[in-house]
C-alpha atoms as a PDB file:
ATOM      1  CA  MET A   1      92.992  85.381 143.591  1.00  0.00           C
ATOM      2  CA  ARG A   2      93.910  89.009 143.896  1.00  0.00           C
ATOM      3  CA  ASP A   3      97.571  88.163 143.370  1.00  0.00           C
ATOM      4  CA  GLN A   4      96.681  86.364 140.152  1.00  0.00           C
ATOM      5  CA  GLU A   5      94.629  89.320 138.962  1.00  0.00           C
ATOM      6  CA  ARG A   6      97.480  91.690 139.736  1.00  0.00           C
ATOM      7  CA  ARG A   7      99.914  89.489 137.864  1.00  0.00           C
ATOM      8  CA  PHE A   8      97.546  89.294 134.919  1.00  0.00           C
ATOM      9  CA  ILE A   9      97.122  93.080 134.843  1.00  0.00           C
ATOM     10  CA  LEU A  10     100.875  93.566 135.211  1.00  0.00           C
ATOM     11  CA  MET A  11     101.613  91.139 132.355  1.00  0.00           C
ATOM     12  CA  GLU A  12      98.988  92.817 130.176  1.00  0.00           C
ATOM     13  CA  LYS A  13     100.513  96.251 130.788  1.00  0.00           C
ATOM     14  CA  LEU A  14     103.988  94.875 130.160  1.00  0.00           C
ATOM     15  CA  SER A  15     102.937  93.275 126.874  1.00  0.00           C
ATOM     16  CA  LYS A  16     101.299  96.531 125.726  1.00  0.00           C
ATOM     17  CA  ALA A  17     104.431  98.466 126.685  1.00  0.00           C
ATOM     18  CA  LEU A  18     106.581  96.072 124.632  1.00  0.00           C
ATOM     19  CA  ILE A  19     104.227  96.384 121.666  1.00  0.00           C
ATOM     20  CA  TYR A  20     104.284 100.192 121.821  1.00  0.00           C
ATOM     21  CA  LEU A  21     108.079 100.112 122.161  1.00  0.00           C
ATOM     22  CA  ALA A  22     108.410  97.890 119.093  1.00  0.00           C
ATOM     23  CA  LEU A  23     106.028 100.102 117.108  1.00  0.00           C
ATOM     24  CA  THR A  24     107.916 103.227 118.185  1.00  0.00           C
ATOM     25  CA  LEU A  25     111.244 101.729 117.125  1.00  0.00           C
ATOM     26  CA  GLY A  26     109.729 100.654 113.808  1.00  0.00           C
ATOM     27  CA  ALA A  27     108.369 104.153 113.236  1.00  0.00           C
ATOM     28  CA  LEU A  28     111.747 105.743 114.021  1.00  0.00           C
ATOM     29  CA  ILE A  29     113.536 103.345 111.661  1.00  0.00           C
ATOM     30  CA  SER A  30     111.012 104.161 108.920  1.00  0.00           C
ATOM     31  CA  LEU A  31     111.297 107.900 109.517  1.00  0.00           C
ATOM     32  CA  PHE A  32     115.084 108.029 109.738  1.00  0.00           C
ATOM     33  CA  PRO A  33     115.700 108.358 105.951  1.00  0.00           C
ATOM     34  CA  PHE A  34     113.285 111.306 105.841  1.00  0.00           C
ATOM     35  CA  ILE A  35     114.898 112.864 108.910  1.00  0.00           C
ATOM     36  CA  TRP A  36     118.329 112.474 107.333  1.00  0.00           C
ATOM     37  CA  MET A  37     117.059 113.984 104.069  1.00  0.00           C
ATOM     38  CA  ILE A  38     115.594 117.038 105.805  1.00  0.00           C
ATOM     39  CA  LEU A  39     118.680 117.580 107.975  1.00  0.00           C
ATOM     40  CA  THR A  40     120.972 117.252 104.953  1.00  0.00           C
ATOM     41  CA  SER A  41     118.928 119.847 103.071  1.00  0.00           C
ATOM     42  CA  PHE A  42     120.053 122.432 105.669  1.00  0.00           C
ATOM     43  CA  LYS A  43     123.759 121.522 105.561  1.00  0.00           C
ATOM     44  CA  SER A  44     126.618 123.135 103.742  1.00  0.00           C
ATOM     45  CA  TYR A  45     128.754 121.196 101.283  1.00  0.00           C
ATOM     46  CA  ARG A  46     131.515 120.941 103.890  1.00  0.00           C
ATOM     47  CA  GLU A  47     129.143 119.500 106.489  1.00  0.00           C
ATOM     48  CA  VAL A  48     127.944 116.900 103.992  1.00  0.00           C
ATOM     49  CA  ALA A  49     131.529 115.935 103.104  1.00  0.00           C
ATOM     50  CA  THR A  50     132.549 115.625 106.767  1.00  0.00           C
ATOM     51  CA  ARG A  51     129.350 113.706 107.612  1.00  0.00           C
ATOM     52  CA  VAL A  52     128.121 116.089 110.276  1.00  0.00           C
ATOM     53  CA  PHE A  53     124.735 114.860 111.543  1.00  0.00           C
ATOM     54  CA  TRP A  54     123.200 118.091 112.884  1.00  0.00           C
ATOM     55  CA  PRO A  55     123.587 121.081 110.541  1.00  0.00           C
ATOM     56  CA  ALA A  56     124.875 124.346 111.914  1.00  0.00           C
ATOM     57  CA  ALA A  57     122.078 126.146 110.040  1.00  0.00           C
ATOM     58  CA  LEU A  58     119.605 124.773 112.615  1.00  0.00           C
ATOM     59  CA  ASN A  59     121.662 126.127 115.510  1.00  0.00           C
ATOM     60  CA  PRO A  60     120.392 129.598 116.558  1.00  0.00           C
ATOM     61  CA  LEU A  61     123.910 130.594 117.667  1.00  0.00           C
ATOM     62  CA  THR A  62     125.073 130.336 114.053  1.00  0.00           C
ATOM     63  CA  TYR A  63     123.178 133.479 113.100  1.00  0.00           C
ATOM     64  CA  ARG A  64     125.038 135.537 115.671  1.00  0.00           C
ATOM     65  CA  LEU A  65     128.130 135.157 113.506  1.00  0.00           C
ATOM     66  CA  PRO A  66     128.907 137.550 110.645  1.00  0.00           C
ATOM     67  CA  PRO A  67     127.375 136.371 107.330  1.00  0.00           C
ATOM     68  CA  GLU A  68     130.781 135.545 105.848  1.00  0.00           C
ATOM     69  CA  GLN A  69     131.518 133.101 108.719  1.00  0.00           C
ATOM     70  CA  ARG A  70     128.262 131.152 108.535  1.00  0.00           C
ATOM     71  CA  PRO A  71     128.157 127.723 106.840  1.00  0.00           C
ATOM     72  CA  ILE A  72     125.263 128.942 104.682  1.00  0.00           C
ATOM     73  CA  PRO A  73     124.073 132.555 104.396  1.00  0.00           C
ATOM     74  CA  TRP A  74     120.599 131.890 105.794  1.00  0.00           C
ATOM     75  CA  LEU A  75     118.337 129.025 106.807  1.00  0.00           C
ATOM     76  CA  PHE A  76     116.611 128.273 103.483  1.00  0.00           C
ATOM     77  CA  HIS A  77     119.566 129.070 101.241  1.00  0.00           C
ATOM     78  CA  ASN A  78     119.827 125.521  99.854  1.00  0.00           C
ATOM     79  CA  PHE A  79     116.124 125.425  98.969  1.00  0.00           C
ATOM     80  CA  VAL A  80     116.289 128.698  97.032  1.00  0.00           C
ATOM     81  CA  GLU A  81     119.514 127.699  95.283  1.00  0.00           C
ATOM     82  CA  ALA A  82     118.122 124.275  94.363  1.00  0.00           C
ATOM     83  CA  TRP A  83     114.920 125.805  92.989  1.00  0.00           C
ATOM     84  CA  ASN A  84     116.869 128.313  90.879  1.00  0.00           C
ATOM     85  CA  SER A  85     119.454 125.807  89.643  1.00  0.00           C
ATOM     86  CA  ALA A  86     116.994 124.110  87.276  1.00  0.00           C
ATOM     87  CA  PRO A  87     113.549 124.890  85.793  1.00  0.00           C
ATOM     88  CA  PHE A  88     111.756 123.339  88.773  1.00  0.00           C
ATOM     89  CA  ALA A  89     108.634 125.420  88.203  1.00  0.00           C
ATOM     90  CA  ARG A  90     108.239 123.691  84.826  1.00  0.00           C
ATOM     91  CA  TYR A  91     109.030 120.290  86.381  1.00  0.00           C
ATOM     92  CA  PHE A  92     106.351 120.834  88.996  1.00  0.00           C
ATOM     93  CA  PHE A  93     103.839 121.920  86.376  1.00  0.00           C
ATOM     94  CA  ASN A  94     104.521 118.811  84.296  1.00  0.00           C
ATOM     95  CA  SER A  95     104.218 116.508  87.311  1.00  0.00           C
ATOM     96  CA  ILE A  96     100.946 118.097  88.389  1.00  0.00           C
ATOM     97  CA  VAL A  97      99.436 117.868  84.887  1.00  0.00           C
ATOM     98  CA  VAL A  98     100.535 114.265  84.397  1.00  0.00           C
ATOM     99  CA  SER A  99      99.499 113.124  87.888  1.00  0.00           C
ATOM    100  CA  VAL A 100      96.078 114.796  87.834  1.00  0.00           C
ATOM    101  CA  PHE A 101      95.083 113.531  84.382  1.00  0.00           C
ATOM    102  CA  THR A 102      96.461 110.069  85.112  1.00  0.00           C
ATOM    103  CA  VAL A 103      94.339 109.881  88.257  1.00  0.00           C
ATOM    104  CA  LEU A 104      91.240 111.035  86.370  1.00  0.00           C
ATOM    105  CA  GLY A 105      91.817 108.430  83.680  1.00  0.00           C
ATOM    106  CA  VAL A 106      92.370 105.654  86.220  1.00  0.00           C
ATOM    107  CA  LEU A 107      89.216 106.569  88.138  1.00  0.00           C
ATOM    108  CA  ILE A 108      87.114 106.449  84.966  1.00  0.00           C
ATOM    109  CA  THR A 109      88.489 103.203  83.527  1.00  0.00           C
ATOM    110  CA  SER A 110      88.778 101.424  86.881  1.00  0.00           C
ATOM    111  CA  SER A 111      85.244 102.363  87.967  1.00  0.00           C
ATOM    112  CA  LEU A 112      83.719 101.021  84.764  1.00  0.00           C
ATOM    113  CA  ALA A 113      85.774  97.815  84.741  1.00  0.00           C
ATOM    114  CA  ALA A 114      85.330  97.191  88.479  1.00  0.00           C
ATOM    115  CA  TYR A 115      81.562  97.642  88.220  1.00  0.00           C
ATOM    116  CA  ALA A 116      81.423  95.156  85.340  1.00  0.00           C
ATOM    117  CA  PHE A 117      83.378  92.549  87.301  1.00  0.00           C
ATOM    118  CA  ALA A 118      81.439  93.138  90.524  1.00  0.00           C
ATOM    119  CA  ARG A 119      77.821  93.583  89.376  1.00  0.00           C
ATOM    120  CA  LEU A 120      77.374  92.265  85.840  1.00  0.00           C
ATOM    121  CA  ARG A 121      76.916  88.598  84.957  1.00  0.00           C
ATOM    122  CA  PHE A 122      78.576  87.512  81.711  1.00  0.00           C
ATOM    123  CA  PRO A 123      80.320  84.328  80.506  1.00  0.00           C
ATOM    124  CA  GLY A 124      83.937  83.957  81.612  1.00  0.00           C
ATOM    125  CA  ARG A 125      83.769  86.835  84.074  1.00  0.00           C
ATOM    126  CA  ASN A 126      85.871  85.137  86.754  1.00  0.00           C
ATOM    127  CA  ILE A 127      88.401  83.797  84.248  1.00  0.00           C
ATOM    128  CA  ILE A 128      88.880  87.222  82.678  1.00  0.00           C
ATOM    129  CA  PHE A 129      89.252  88.768  86.137  1.00  0.00           C
ATOM    130  CA  MET A 130      91.908  86.206  87.093  1.00  0.00           C
ATOM    131  CA  LEU A 131      93.766  86.952  83.860  1.00  0.00           C
ATOM    132  CA  PHE A 132      93.660  90.634  84.765  1.00  0.00           C
ATOM    133  CA  LEU A 133      95.162  89.867  88.166  1.00  0.00           C
ATOM    134  CA  ALA A 134      97.811  87.636  86.572  1.00  0.00           C
ATOM    135  CA  THR A 135      99.197  90.626  84.666  1.00  0.00           C
ATOM    136  CA  MET A 136     100.268  92.115  88.011  1.00  0.00           C
ATOM    137  CA  MET A 137     102.962  89.413  88.182  1.00  0.00           C
ATOM    138  CA  ILE A 138     104.628  90.682  84.991  1.00  0.00           C
ATOM    139  CA  PRO A 139     107.600  92.965  85.820  1.00  0.00           C
ATOM    140  CA  GLY A 140     107.107  96.442  84.421  1.00  0.00           C
ATOM    141  CA  GLU A 141     110.629  96.482  82.948  1.00  0.00           C
ATOM    142  CA  ILE A 142     109.629  93.765  80.475  1.00  0.00           C
ATOM    143  CA  LEU A 143     106.998  96.071  78.971  1.00  0.00           C
ATOM    144  CA  LEU A 144     109.256  99.103  78.572  1.00  0.00           C
ATOM    145  CA  ILE A 145     110.520  98.309  75.068  1.00  0.00           C
ATOM    146  CA  PRO A 146     107.131  97.240  73.573  1.00  0.00           C
ATOM    147  CA  ASN A 147     105.418 100.263  75.102  1.00  0.00           C
ATOM    148  CA  PHE A 148     108.164 102.571  73.848  1.00  0.00           C
ATOM    149  CA  ILE A 149     107.845 101.189  70.298  1.00  0.00           C
ATOM    150  CA  ILE A 150     104.073 101.772  70.409  1.00  0.00           C
ATOM    151  CA  ILE A 151     104.587 105.339  71.630  1.00  0.00           C
ATOM    152  CA  LYS A 152     107.061 106.046  68.806  1.00  0.00           C
ATOM    153  CA  HIS A 153     104.711 104.639  66.151  1.00  0.00           C
ATOM    154  CA  LEU A 154     101.839 106.756  67.480  1.00  0.00           C
ATOM    155  CA  GLY A 155     103.989 109.878  67.317  1.00  0.00           C
ATOM    156  CA  TRP A 156     103.593 110.532  71.028  1.00  0.00           C
ATOM    157  CA  TYR A 157     107.277 110.719  71.905  1.00  0.00           C
ATOM    158  CA  ASP A 158     108.081 113.803  73.975  1.00  0.00           C
ATOM    159  CA  THR A 159     104.410 114.643  74.567  1.00  0.00           C
ATOM    160  CA  TYR A 160     102.000 114.532  77.494  1.00  0.00           C
ATOM    161  CA  TRP A 161     100.166 111.682  75.771  1.00  0.00           C
ATOM    162  CA  ALA A 162     103.148 109.381  76.327  1.00  0.00           C
ATOM    163  CA  LEU A 163     103.309 110.315  80.012  1.00  0.00           C
ATOM    164  CA  ILE A 164      99.580 109.932  80.703  1.00  0.00           C
ATOM    165  CA  ILE A 165      97.762 107.475  78.418  1.00  0.00           C
ATOM    166  CA  PRO A 166      99.729 104.260  79.196  1.00  0.00           C
ATOM    167  CA  TRP A 167      98.918 104.602  82.904  1.00  0.00           C
ATOM    168  CA  THR A 168      95.208 105.436  82.749  1.00  0.00           C
ATOM    169  CA  ALA A 169      94.332 101.752  83.192  1.00  0.00           C
ATOM    170  CA  ASN A 170      95.505 100.041  86.360  1.00  0.00           C
ATOM    171  CA  VAL A 171      94.795  96.428  87.382  1.00  0.00           C
ATOM    172  CA  PHE A 172      95.371  97.070  91.077  1.00  0.00           C
ATOM    173  CA  SER A 173      92.843  99.909  91.041  1.00  0.00           C
ATOM    174  CA  ILE A 174      90.296  97.705  89.266  1.00  0.00           C
ATOM    175  CA  PHE A 175      90.831  94.987  91.867  1.00  0.00           C
ATOM    176  CA  LEU A 176      90.458  97.382  94.817  1.00  0.00           C
ATOM    177  CA  LEU A 177      87.288  98.997  93.477  1.00  0.00           C
ATOM    178  CA  ARG A 178      85.834  95.644  92.478  1.00  0.00           C
ATOM    179  CA  GLN A 179      86.260  94.399  96.044  1.00  0.00           C
ATOM    180  CA  PHE A 180      84.480  97.486  97.358  1.00  0.00           C
ATOM    181  CA  PHE A 181      81.659  97.433  94.795  1.00  0.00           C
ATOM    182  CA  ALA A 182      80.956  93.797  95.658  1.00  0.00           C
ATOM    183  CA  THR A 183      80.027  94.817  99.224  1.00  0.00           C
ATOM    184  CA  ILE A 184      77.187  97.102  98.076  1.00  0.00           C
ATOM    185  CA  PRO A 185      73.865  95.322  98.781  1.00  0.00           C
ATOM    186  CA  GLN A 186      71.979  93.896  95.818  1.00  0.00           C
ATOM    187  CA  GLU A 187      68.780  95.352  97.305  1.00  0.00           C
ATOM    188  CA  LEU A 188      69.948  98.840  96.353  1.00  0.00           C
ATOM    189  CA  TYR A 189      70.193  97.810  92.711  1.00  0.00           C
ATOM    190  CA  ASP A 190      66.813  96.085  92.799  1.00  0.00           C
ATOM    191  CA  ALA A 191      65.216  99.228  94.233  1.00  0.00           C
ATOM    192  CA  ALA A 192      66.960 101.369  91.616  1.00  0.00           C
ATOM    193  CA  VAL A 193      65.692  99.127  88.803  1.00  0.00           C
ATOM    194  CA  LEU A 194      62.120  99.578  90.046  1.00  0.00           C
ATOM    195  CA  ASP A 195      62.655 103.335  89.672  1.00  0.00           C
ATOM    196  CA  GLY A 196      63.809 102.884  86.081  1.00  0.00           C
ATOM    197  CA  CYS A 197      67.532 103.117  86.836  1.00  0.00           C
ATOM    198  CA  GLY A 198      70.007 101.430  84.486  1.00  0.00           C
ATOM    199  CA  HIS A 199      73.509 100.194  85.199  1.00  0.00           C
ATOM    200  CA  PHE A 200      75.287 103.414  84.260  1.00  0.00           C
ATOM    201  CA  ARG A 201      72.961 105.597  86.306  1.00  0.00           C
ATOM    202  CA  PHE A 202      73.187 103.188  89.242  1.00  0.00           C
ATOM    203  CA  LEU A 203      76.979 103.383  89.031  1.00  0.00           C
ATOM    204  CA  THR A 204      77.218 107.165  88.845  1.00  0.00           C
ATOM    205  CA  GLN A 205      74.438 108.105  91.284  1.00  0.00           C
ATOM    206  CA  ILE A 206      74.574 105.335  93.891  1.00  0.00           C
ATOM    207  CA  VAL A 207      77.723 103.201  93.703  1.00  0.00           C
ATOM    208  CA  LEU A 208      80.311 105.931  93.274  1.00  0.00           C
ATOM    209  CA  PRO A 209      78.967 108.223  96.056  1.00  0.00           C
ATOM    210  CA  LEU A 210      78.991 105.223  98.421  1.00  0.00           C
ATOM    211  CA  SER A 211      82.542 104.344  97.357  1.00  0.00           C
ATOM    212  CA  ARG A 212      84.300 107.595  98.210  1.00  0.00           C
ATOM    213  CA  PRO A 213      86.844 105.944 100.577  1.00  0.00           C
ATOM    214  CA  ALA A 214      87.849 103.414  97.914  1.00  0.00           C
ATOM    215  CA  LEU A 215      87.987 106.080  95.207  1.00  0.00           C
ATOM    216  CA  THR A 216      90.145 108.265  97.459  1.00  0.00           C
ATOM    217  CA  THR A 217      92.501 105.353  98.057  1.00  0.00           C
ATOM    218  CA  VAL A 218      92.802 104.643  94.344  1.00  0.00           C
ATOM    219  CA  ALA A 219      93.351 108.328  93.578  1.00  0.00           C
ATOM    220  CA  LEU A 220      96.047 108.680  96.245  1.00  0.00           C
ATOM    221  CA  PHE A 221      97.921 105.541  95.183  1.00  0.00           C
ATOM    222  CA  ASN A 222      97.948 106.525  91.535  1.00  0.00           C
ATOM    223  CA  PHE A 223      98.859 110.134  92.273  1.00  0.00           C
ATOM    224  CA  ILE A 224     101.883 108.938  94.276  1.00  0.00           C
ATOM    225  CA  TRP A 225     102.905 106.445  91.572  1.00  0.00           C
ATOM    226  CA  SER A 226     102.598 109.056  88.849  1.00  0.00           C
ATOM    227  CA  TRP A 227     104.338 111.749  90.892  1.00  0.00           C
ATOM    228  CA  ASN A 228     107.269 109.433  91.699  1.00  0.00           C
ATOM    229  CA  ALA A 229     107.623 107.978  88.189  1.00  0.00           C
ATOM    230  CA  PHE A 230     111.188 108.196  86.917  1.00  0.00           C
ATOM    231  CA  LEU A 231     112.152 105.486  84.417  1.00  0.00           C
ATOM    232  CA  TRP A 232     109.247 105.831  81.976  1.00  0.00           C
ATOM    233  CA  PRO A 233     109.354 109.670  81.796  1.00  0.00           C
ATOM    234  CA  LEU A 234     113.133 109.471  81.348  1.00  0.00           C
ATOM    235  CA  ILE A 235     112.679 107.155  78.348  1.00  0.00           C
ATOM    236  CA  VAL A 236     109.828 108.924  76.551  1.00  0.00           C
ATOM    237  CA  THR A 237     111.015 112.523  76.989  1.00  0.00           C
ATOM    238  CA  SER A 238     114.132 114.331  75.815  1.00  0.00           C
ATOM    239  CA  ARG A 239     113.301 118.024  76.230  1.00  0.00           C
ATOM    240  CA  GLU A 240     113.648 119.758  79.597  1.00  0.00           C
ATOM    241  CA  GLU A 241     110.244 121.411  79.254  1.00  0.00           C
ATOM    242  CA  MET A 242     108.538 117.995  79.102  1.00  0.00           C
ATOM    243  CA  ARG A 243     110.249 116.302  82.025  1.00  0.00           C
ATOM    244  CA  PRO A 244     108.561 115.824  85.433  1.00  0.00           C
ATOM    245  CA  ILE A 245     109.993 116.530  88.860  1.00  0.00           C
ATOM    246  CA  GLN A 246     111.618 113.151  89.538  1.00  0.00           C
ATOM    247  CA  VAL A 247     113.649 113.299  86.332  1.00  0.00           C
ATOM    248  CA  GLY A 248     114.534 116.886  87.175  1.00  0.00           C
ATOM    249  CA  LEU A 249     116.190 115.745  90.412  1.00  0.00           C
ATOM    250  CA  ALA A 250     118.866 114.042  88.326  1.00  0.00           C
ATOM    251  CA  PHE A 251     120.126 117.549  87.450  1.00  0.00           C
ATOM    252  CA  PHE A 252     122.141 117.550  90.700  1.00  0.00           C
ATOM    253  CA  VAL A 253     123.925 114.287  89.843  1.00  0.00           C
ATOM    254  CA  THR A 254     126.805 115.008  87.466  1.00  0.00           C
ATOM    255  CA  GLU A 255     130.050 113.350  86.405  1.00  0.00           C
ATOM    256  CA  SER A 256     132.031 115.654  88.698  1.00  0.00           C
ATOM    257  CA  GLY A 257     129.977 114.654  91.747  1.00  0.00           C
ATOM    258  CA  THR A 258     126.650 115.148  93.472  1.00  0.00           C
ATOM    259  CA  ASP A 259     125.519 118.327  95.204  1.00  0.00           C
ATOM    260  CA  THR A 260     123.973 116.284  97.985  1.00  0.00           C
ATOM    261  CA  GLN A 261     122.703 119.220 100.025  1.00  0.00           C
ATOM    262  CA  LEU A 262     120.938 120.710  96.988  1.00  0.00           C
ATOM    263  CA  LEU A 263     119.593 117.321  95.930  1.00  0.00           C
ATOM    264  CA  MET A 264     118.130 116.741  99.393  1.00  0.00           C
ATOM    265  CA  ALA A 265     116.638 120.240  99.429  1.00  0.00           C
ATOM    266  CA  ALA A 266     114.985 119.592  96.067  1.00  0.00           C
ATOM    267  CA  ALA A 267     113.796 116.159  97.243  1.00  0.00           C
ATOM    268  CA  THR A 268     112.270 117.740 100.356  1.00  0.00           C
ATOM    269  CA  ILE A 269     110.374 120.205  98.164  1.00  0.00           C
ATOM    270  CA  THR A 270     109.260 117.306  95.969  1.00  0.00           C
ATOM    271  CA  ILE A 271     107.650 115.242  98.741  1.00  0.00           C
ATOM    272  CA  LEU A 272     105.742 118.175 100.266  1.00  0.00           C
ATOM    273  CA  PRO A 273     102.710 117.839  97.914  1.00  0.00           C
ATOM    274  CA  ILE A 274     102.447 114.102  98.674  1.00  0.00           C
ATOM    275  CA  VAL A 275     102.673 114.601 102.449  1.00  0.00           C
ATOM    276  CA  THR A 276     100.150 117.447 102.348  1.00  0.00           C
ATOM    277  CA  LEU A 277      97.727 115.431 100.222  1.00  0.00           C
ATOM    278  CA  TYR A 278      97.979 112.430 102.533  1.00  0.00           C
ATOM    279  CA  PHE A 279      97.195 114.465 105.640  1.00  0.00           C
ATOM    280  CA  PHE A 280      93.999 115.705 104.002  1.00  0.00           C
ATOM    281  CA  VAL A 281      92.764 112.267 102.887  1.00  0.00           C
ATOM    282  CA  GLN A 282      94.303 109.891 105.444  1.00  0.00           C
ATOM    283  CA  ARG A 283      90.951 108.978 107.044  1.00  0.00           C
ATOM    284  CA  GLN A 284      89.341 108.060 103.720  1.00  0.00           C
ATOM    285  CA  PHE A 285      92.549 106.313 102.649  1.00  0.00           C
ATOM    286  CA  ILE A 286      92.636 104.025 105.704  1.00  0.00           C
ATOM    287  CA  GLU A 287      88.901 103.324 105.425  1.00  0.00           C
ATOM    288  CA  GLY A 288      89.253 102.473 101.747  1.00  0.00           C
ATOM    289  CA  ILE A 289      92.113 100.039 102.392  1.00  0.00           C
ATOM    290  CA  TYR A 290      90.163  98.366 105.190  1.00  0.00           C
ATOM    291  CA  THR A 291      86.850  97.986 103.405  1.00  0.00           C
ATOM    292  CA  GLY A 292      88.321  97.094 100.019  1.00  0.00           C
ATOM    293  CA  GLY A 293      90.921  94.671 101.310  1.00  0.00           C
ATOM    294  CA  ILE A 294      89.059  92.925 104.147  1.00  0.00           C
ATOM    295  CA  ARG A 295      85.295  93.149 103.731  1.00  0.00           C
ATOM    296  CA  GLY A 296      85.501  92.453  99.990  1.00  0.00           C
END
């Protein structure tokens, strides 16, 4: 009996070790593009062309050489040069404005629509909700030309309105919040009604405070989507002062070639706000995905 128990414990430990090994390998494979991007941002043009994996800039012995013999003058040379090569301060400002106001718009519209689908009873509710979900199967590229024509007719071309308004309603966000709102007990609404509380007050004072994880998840998703948007801003803007950060990265891609080390340095700067934001809200983000996707 003891031998069987030992074998069982040994097999259990072995299976856990294999699972952790597989997860570790998966994590390394997922992280490798980011590792390569960061390492490339410290390389010189010659190191990029010769496909050197580890940049000399990260070797402490490099800085014992005279400045004229170093691959790059100092450690963060590429980052400073990339920042000064284009109006990245303006790109960052545009991306922040567009992302923040897009998130605010999505939170407002999605909260109202999700509450209606989750708590209100009206004819055709389920059919309308299914039609909403069906629009998620339509490729976004199909809508580019109709949306562009609408933007031109409204006179919004090359303005913040064109970058923000079309994305302030999001079916996925409505679906996620609807799933979360549906888990809130009906008894809370009944008690609120006895206190003279209407639907709007119940939503703003009870439902939304209880739904912070789901709201955080929706905000993070939409902030990332807005921050990483490239095709739509490229189409509806023509002036440099109106373009966001992702379009600005195309500055390093020219007909004569690509300054890969500068492009990777700029890309590293670009992802820092997203990584920082995720570390601050990761607990609420995971909780929102779990409760909205499983319990609902």
